[in-house]
Protein backbone atom coordinates (compact mmCIF):
# COMPACT_ATOMS: atom_id res chain seq x y z
CA MET A 1 -8.47 -14.80 3.92
CA PHE A 2 -7.57 -18.40 4.24
CA ARG A 3 -8.92 -21.89 4.81
CA TRP A 4 -7.38 -24.18 7.35
CA LYS A 5 -6.37 -27.72 6.38
CA GLU A 6 -7.99 -28.75 9.66
CA ALA A 7 -9.45 -26.78 12.53
CA PRO A 8 -6.67 -25.17 14.59
CA SER A 9 -6.47 -25.55 18.34
CA GLU A 10 -7.50 -22.72 20.64
CA ARG A 11 -3.83 -22.35 21.58
CA HIS A 12 -2.86 -21.95 17.92
CA LEU A 13 -5.58 -19.32 17.38
CA SER A 14 -4.56 -17.49 20.54
CA THR A 15 -0.90 -17.40 19.51
CA LEU A 16 -1.83 -16.31 16.00
CA GLY A 17 -4.09 -13.59 17.38
CA SER A 18 -1.44 -12.25 19.73
CA ARG A 19 1.19 -12.19 17.02
CA LEU A 20 -1.13 -10.50 14.53
CA ASN A 21 -2.18 -7.92 17.13
CA ALA A 22 1.44 -6.80 17.30
CA MET A 23 1.33 -5.96 13.57
CA ALA A 24 -1.10 -3.11 14.34
CA ALA A 25 1.74 -1.21 16.04
CA LEU A 26 3.94 -1.10 12.94
CA PRO A 27 4.62 2.36 11.48
CA GLY A 28 2.12 3.27 8.79
CA VAL A 29 -0.59 0.86 9.92
CA VAL A 30 -3.80 2.87 10.21
CA GLY A 31 -6.14 -0.01 11.07
CA TYR A 32 -5.67 -3.74 11.57
CA GLN A 33 -8.25 -6.38 12.36
CA HIS A 34 -8.38 -10.14 12.10
CA GLY A 35 -10.39 -13.08 13.29
CA PRO A 36 -12.16 -16.33 12.53
CA ASP A 37 -15.27 -16.54 10.40
CA ALA A 38 -18.51 -15.90 12.31
CA GLY A 39 -19.90 -19.21 11.07
CA LEU A 40 -23.01 -17.77 9.43
CA ARG A 41 -22.50 -19.69 6.18
CA GLU A 42 -20.98 -23.08 5.41
CA ASP A 43 -18.98 -21.95 2.38
CA ASN A 44 -17.07 -19.04 3.93
CA TRP A 45 -13.33 -18.80 4.40
CA ASP A 46 -12.04 -19.65 7.90
CA TYR A 47 -9.99 -16.61 8.91
CA CYS A 48 -9.52 -13.07 7.68
CA VAL A 49 -6.92 -10.34 8.16
CA VAL A 50 -7.72 -6.75 7.10
CA GLY A 51 -5.10 -4.03 7.25
CA ASP A 52 -5.36 -0.38 6.32
CA PHE A 53 -2.10 1.43 5.57
CA GLU A 54 -1.06 5.06 5.15
CA ASP A 55 0.33 4.37 1.68
CA ASP A 56 1.89 1.75 -0.59
CA ASP A 57 5.26 2.08 1.14
CA ALA A 58 3.68 1.35 4.54
CA TYR A 59 2.04 -1.77 3.10
CA SER A 60 5.34 -2.89 1.56
CA ALA A 61 7.13 -2.41 4.89
CA TYR A 62 4.43 -4.46 6.66
CA ALA A 63 4.50 -7.22 4.04
CA SER A 64 8.28 -7.60 4.27
CA ASN A 65 8.50 -7.17 8.07
CA ALA A 66 10.47 -10.04 9.64
CA ASP A 67 7.85 -10.73 12.33
CA HIS A 68 5.09 -10.76 9.71
CA GLN A 69 7.07 -13.17 7.58
CA ASP A 70 7.63 -15.41 10.61
CA ILE A 71 3.89 -15.44 11.39
CA ILE A 72 3.21 -16.55 7.82
CA ALA A 73 5.96 -19.19 7.84
CA THR A 74 5.14 -20.74 11.22
CA LEU A 75 1.49 -20.08 12.04
CA ILE A 76 -0.27 -19.70 8.70
CA ALA A 77 1.35 -21.30 5.62
CA PRO A 78 1.90 -24.80 7.05
CA HIS A 79 -1.70 -24.96 8.26
CA ILE A 80 -3.75 -23.66 5.34
CA GLU A 81 -5.09 -25.26 2.20
CA ALA A 82 -5.93 -22.03 0.39
CA ARG A 83 -5.34 -18.28 0.62
CA SER A 84 -7.05 -15.36 -1.05
CA ALA A 85 -5.91 -11.75 -0.96
CA VAL A 86 -6.60 -8.38 -2.52
CA GLN A 87 -5.01 -4.97 -2.07
CA TYR A 88 -7.13 -2.00 -3.01
CA ARG A 89 -6.92 1.73 -2.52
CA ILE A 90 -9.60 3.61 -0.61
């Protein structure tokens, strides 16, 4: 989950969405969803990404994937003020 520094443009969100959608096709990804907050509360985070992976190795491959790293470097990190993450086993 993250908070934007300022509200992103629709073009930015569209590009981010398209790029993140491609992550669902990586080997070992069992489920992958993302999207902006529904706006039901004022104090929520702005955007969330949830991925389910076959195992720890699949997660590690996803996390280090070059396209994933590029998404973070160009479309996420420069535009956020805070990030929160957790990995847990189901």
